[in-house]
Amino acid sequence: MLQIVYQDEYFVAINKPHGLLVHKSPIATDVQEFAVQLLQEQLERKVFPIHRLDRKTSGILIFALSSEYAKAMQTIFVNDNTKKIYWAIVRGYFPDEIEVDYALTNDKGKVQEAVTSFKTFTRSELNIPLGKFETSRYSFIQASPKTGRMHQIRKHLSHLHHPIIGDRPHGCNKQNRMFKEKWNMMTMLLHAKEMHFTHPITEEPIILRAPLFSTFENMIKELQLKH
């Protein structure tokens, strides 16, 4: 059963697990379960996804409860006052705070402006040799995208040479292999933690929060990244 973090008469927000597709995709023909299908069965009514969340990313995913409400809800994603907060674990010692303004090319070859603000919660260094390094360094960070490009956070972190642990293809193959061998961990450690916006219908302030899943929580402990 999907974890519902908010519901009113207009929309519902779930905490999407890692690895769950939002809806059917031609690039994953072997998949039998999708967030749309599971939520419709759970609520026994039709739902309308109003934004995307990568299959590998967990966290807040919003569905409207009618096609009419879907059009209204979609406006929150073009509103500059909407705030989205993601948590991630990345390779290396990340800067305390940094804003990345680095354009990205989409799957149709179009170059688009992309801006993300980052800050670090905590860092760790473990006695785990990897490649030419005698130790391994990690950072637990927050990301706040100011634009909404596909794989924006993942690509910006790869651009900074601080890829997300478990990310493929934008991550570090050596790190991903080590996490699989040492911890049997193949999850991408990126989570849509919070969303702040004004309800487009009631005009009330809305704050959505999605708890971390156990794999992410366990890796915070294993990597000594408590904050």
Protein backbone atom coordinates (compact mmCIF):
# COMPACT_ATOMS: atom_id res chain seq x y z
CA MET A 1 0.00 0.00 0.00
CA LEU A 2 1.31 3.44 -0.94
CA GLN A 3 1.99 5.91 1.86
CA ILE A 4 -0.30 8.93 1.56
CA VAL A 5 1.23 12.10 3.04
CA TYR A 6 -1.65 14.46 2.18
CA GLN A 7 -5.17 14.25 0.80
CA ASP A 8 -8.07 16.66 0.36
CA GLU A 9 -10.97 16.77 -2.09
CA TYR A 10 -8.73 18.15 -4.86
CA PHE A 11 -5.47 16.22 -4.76
CA VAL A 12 -3.50 13.49 -3.03
CA ALA A 13 0.25 13.28 -2.40
CA ILE A 14 2.11 10.02 -1.85
CA ASN A 15 5.59 9.07 -0.72
CA LYS A 16 6.71 7.18 -3.84
CA PRO A 17 9.11 4.32 -3.17
CA HIS A 18 12.44 3.99 -4.98
CA GLY A 19 12.08 2.00 -8.21
CA LEU A 20 8.38 2.63 -8.83
CA LEU A 21 7.41 4.13 -12.19
CA VAL A 22 4.74 6.84 -12.20
CA HIS A 23 2.99 5.31 -15.23
CA LYS A 24 3.60 3.00 -18.17
CA SER A 25 6.73 3.71 -20.18
CA PRO A 26 8.02 2.28 -23.48
CA ILE A 27 11.49 2.01 -21.90
CA ALA A 28 10.28 -0.32 -19.15
CA THR A 29 8.00 -2.82 -20.84
CA ASP A 30 8.73 -5.49 -18.24
CA VAL A 31 7.19 -3.48 -15.38
CA GLN A 32 3.74 -4.55 -14.21
CA GLU A 33 3.01 -2.07 -11.39
CA PHE A 34 2.87 1.72 -11.56
CA ALA A 35 2.10 4.47 -9.07
CA VAL A 36 -1.02 5.56 -10.99
CA GLN A 37 -2.45 2.02 -11.07
CA LEU A 38 -1.61 1.26 -7.42
CA LEU A 39 -3.08 4.53 -6.14
CA GLN A 40 -6.25 4.14 -8.19
CA GLU A 41 -6.77 0.66 -6.74
CA GLN A 42 -6.02 1.93 -3.24
CA LEU A 43 -8.43 4.91 -3.45
CA GLU A 44 -10.92 3.14 -5.73
CA ARG A 45 -11.10 6.18 -8.00
CA LYS A 46 -9.26 7.67 -10.96
CA VAL A 47 -6.21 9.86 -10.31
CA PHE A 48 -4.24 12.19 -12.57
CA PRO A 49 -0.46 12.60 -12.13
CA ILE A 50 0.48 16.28 -12.36
CA HIS A 51 4.28 16.03 -12.39
CA ARG A 52 7.09 13.54 -12.89
CA LEU A 53 9.46 11.87 -10.48
CA ASP A 54 12.24 9.63 -11.76
CA ARG A 55 11.73 5.92 -11.28
CA LYS A 56 14.90 5.81 -9.15
CA THR A 57 13.89 8.83 -7.04
CA SER A 58 11.66 8.43 -3.99
CA GLY A 59 9.47 11.00 -2.29
CA ILE A 60 6.60 13.39 -2.86
CA LEU A 61 4.45 12.70 -5.91
CA ILE A 62 1.17 14.56 -6.44
CA PHE A 63 -2.01 13.39 -8.19
CA ALA A 64 -5.14 15.42 -8.88
CA LEU A 65 -8.50 13.81 -8.21
CA SER A 66 -10.12 15.06 -11.43
CA SER A 67 -8.95 16.29 -14.83
CA GLU A 68 -10.29 19.74 -13.96
CA TYR A 69 -8.27 19.89 -10.73
CA ALA A 70 -5.21 18.57 -12.61
CA LYS A 71 -5.08 21.71 -14.76
CA ALA A 72 -5.25 23.89 -11.66
CA MET A 73 -2.67 21.84 -9.77
CA GLN A 74 -0.18 21.99 -12.65
CA THR A 75 0.10 25.75 -12.12
CA ILE A 76 2.07 25.20 -8.90
CA PHE A 77 5.00 23.88 -10.94
CA VAL A 78 5.34 27.10 -12.94
CA ASN A 79 4.93 29.29 -9.87
CA ASP A 80 8.18 30.85 -8.67
CA ASN A 81 6.91 30.69 -5.07
CA THR A 82 6.77 26.88 -5.13
CA LYS A 83 9.68 25.39 -3.19
CA LYS A 84 10.92 21.83 -3.71
CA ILE A 85 13.46 20.24 -1.37
CA TYR A 86 15.38 17.04 -2.13
CA TRP A 87 17.82 15.12 0.04
CA ALA A 88 20.74 13.17 -1.41
CA ILE A 89 23.94 11.38 -0.45
CA VAL A 90 26.82 12.19 -2.79
CA ARG A 91 30.45 11.25 -3.30
CA GLY A 92 33.13 13.50 -1.79
CA TYR A 93 33.18 16.56 0.45
CA PHE A 94 30.48 18.84 -0.92
CA PRO A 95 30.67 22.67 -0.51
CA ASP A 96 28.79 24.21 2.43
CA GLU A 97 26.48 26.05 0.03
CA ILE A 98 26.50 26.57 -3.72
CA GLU A 99 24.10 27.65 -6.46
CA VAL A 100 24.58 26.00 -9.83
CA ASP A 101 23.46 27.87 -12.96
CA TYR A 102 24.32 25.38 -15.69
CA ALA A 103 22.18 24.88 -18.79
CA LEU A 104 21.13 21.33 -19.68
CA THR A 105 20.27 19.70 -22.99
CA ASN A 106 17.02 17.72 -23.03
CA ASP A 107 16.32 14.49 -24.93
CA LYS A 108 15.25 16.49 -27.98
CA GLY A 109 18.54 18.38 -28.12
CA LYS A 110 17.15 21.64 -26.77
CA VAL A 111 19.40 23.62 -24.40
CA GLN A 112 17.47 24.87 -21.36
CA GLU A 113 18.36 27.11 -18.43
CA ALA A 114 18.74 25.12 -15.20
CA VAL A 115 19.40 26.47 -11.70
CA THR A 116 19.75 24.48 -8.43
CA SER A 117 20.72 25.61 -4.93
CA PHE A 118 22.58 23.13 -2.72
CA LYS A 119 23.69 23.03 0.91
CA THR A 120 25.47 20.41 3.00
CA PHE A 121 24.08 18.91 6.20
CA THR A 122 27.08 16.80 7.18
CA ARG A 123 30.14 14.98 5.79
CA SER A 124 32.04 11.83 6.65
CA GLU A 125 35.29 10.05 5.83
CA LEU A 126 35.43 6.27 6.17
CA ASN A 127 38.34 3.84 6.16
CA ILE A 128 37.17 2.25 2.94
CA PRO A 129 39.85 2.28 0.22
CA LEU A 130 38.61 2.71 -3.34
CA GLY A 131 40.75 3.04 -6.45
CA LYS A 132 43.73 5.32 -5.76
CA PHE A 133 42.20 6.65 -2.52
CA GLU A 134 42.83 5.13 0.92
CA THR A 135 39.55 6.46 2.32
CA SER A 136 36.06 7.26 1.02
CA ARG A 137 34.32 10.60 1.57
CA TYR A 138 30.60 11.32 1.47
CA SER A 139 28.20 14.23 2.01
CA PHE A 140 24.54 14.35 2.98
CA ILE A 141 23.06 17.34 1.15
CA GLN A 142 19.91 19.27 0.32
CA ALA A 143 19.00 20.36 -3.21
CA SER A 144 16.42 22.98 -4.17
CA PRO A 145 15.82 23.17 -7.93
CA LYS A 146 14.63 26.56 -9.17
CA THR A 147 13.84 25.19 -12.62
CA GLY A 148 12.29 21.85 -13.54
CA ARG A 149 14.49 20.09 -16.09
CA MET A 150 14.66 16.33 -16.53
CA HIS A 151 17.29 14.77 -14.23
CA GLN A 152 18.33 18.31 -13.26
CA ILE A 153 19.68 17.55 -9.78
CA ARG A 154 21.40 14.39 -10.97
CA LYS A 155 23.07 16.17 -13.89
CA HIS A 156 24.11 19.20 -11.83
CA LEU A 157 25.73 16.98 -9.20
CA SER A 158 27.53 15.01 -11.90
CA HIS A 159 28.72 18.33 -13.36
CA LEU A 160 30.14 19.25 -9.94
CA HIS A 161 31.92 15.84 -9.74
CA HIS A 162 29.82 14.94 -6.67
CA PRO A 163 27.50 12.31 -8.18
CA ILE A 164 24.62 10.81 -6.24
CA ILE A 165 25.34 7.38 -4.79
CA GLY A 166 23.44 4.76 -6.78
CA ASP A 167 22.83 7.01 -9.78
CA ARG A 168 23.09 5.41 -13.19
CA PRO A 169 24.08 6.72 -15.74
CA HIS A 170 25.08 10.04 -14.13
CA GLY A 171 26.91 8.51 -11.16
CA CYS A 172 30.22 6.84 -10.35
CA ASN A 173 30.46 3.21 -11.48
CA LYS A 174 33.21 2.42 -8.95
CA GLN A 175 31.17 3.75 -6.04
CA ASN A 176 27.98 2.07 -7.22
CA ARG A 177 29.76 -1.27 -7.57
CA MET A 178 31.30 -0.93 -4.11
CA PHE A 179 27.92 -0.14 -2.51
CA LYS A 180 26.41 -3.18 -4.19
CA GLU A 181 29.23 -5.49 -3.05
CA LYS A 182 29.61 -4.11 0.49
CA TRP A 183 25.99 -3.33 1.43
CA ASN A 184 23.93 -4.92 -1.36
CA MET A 185 22.71 -1.37 -1.96
CA MET A 186 21.57 -0.51 -5.50
CA THR A 187 19.11 2.29 -4.67
CA MET A 188 19.73 5.82 -5.90
CA LEU A 189 19.98 7.98 -2.78
CA LEU A 190 17.83 10.90 -3.93
CA HIS A 191 14.56 11.69 -2.13
CA ALA A 192 11.94 14.40 -2.77
CA LYS A 193 11.61 15.42 0.89
CA GLU A 194 9.41 18.54 0.96
CA MET A 195 7.24 20.76 -1.19
CA HIS A 196 5.88 24.18 -0.23
CA PHE A 197 3.23 25.95 -2.31
CA THR A 198 -0.04 27.85 -2.25
CA HIS A 199 -3.04 25.62 -2.89
CA PRO A 200 -4.26 26.74 -6.35
CA ILE A 201 -7.92 26.23 -5.42
CA THR A 202 -8.27 27.05 -1.72
CA GLU A 203 -5.26 29.45 -1.69
CA GLU A 204 -4.10 27.96 1.61
CA PRO A 205 -0.37 27.45 2.28
CA ILE A 206 0.55 23.79 1.84
CA ILE A 207 3.67 22.04 3.16
CA LEU A 208 4.16 18.41 2.16
CA ARG A 209 6.79 16.22 3.83
CA ALA A 210 7.77 12.65 2.94
CA PRO A 211 9.79 10.50 5.38
CA LEU A 212 12.91 8.74 4.14
CA PHE A 213 12.64 5.06 3.29
CA SER A 214 14.62 2.47 5.24
CA THR A 215 17.41 2.03 2.64
CA PHE A 216 18.22 5.75 2.75
CA GLU A 217 18.02 5.81 6.56
CA ASN A 218 20.34 2.77 6.79
CA MET A 219 22.93 4.37 4.51
CA ILE A 220 22.92 7.55 6.62
CA LYS A 221 23.90 5.33 9.57
CA GLU A 222 26.40 3.19 7.67
CA LEU A 223 28.15 6.28 6.24
CA GLN A 224 28.03 8.07 9.62
CA LEU A 225 26.12 11.02 8.16
CA LYS A 226 23.63 11.75 10.95
CA HIS A 227 22.67 15.41 11.09
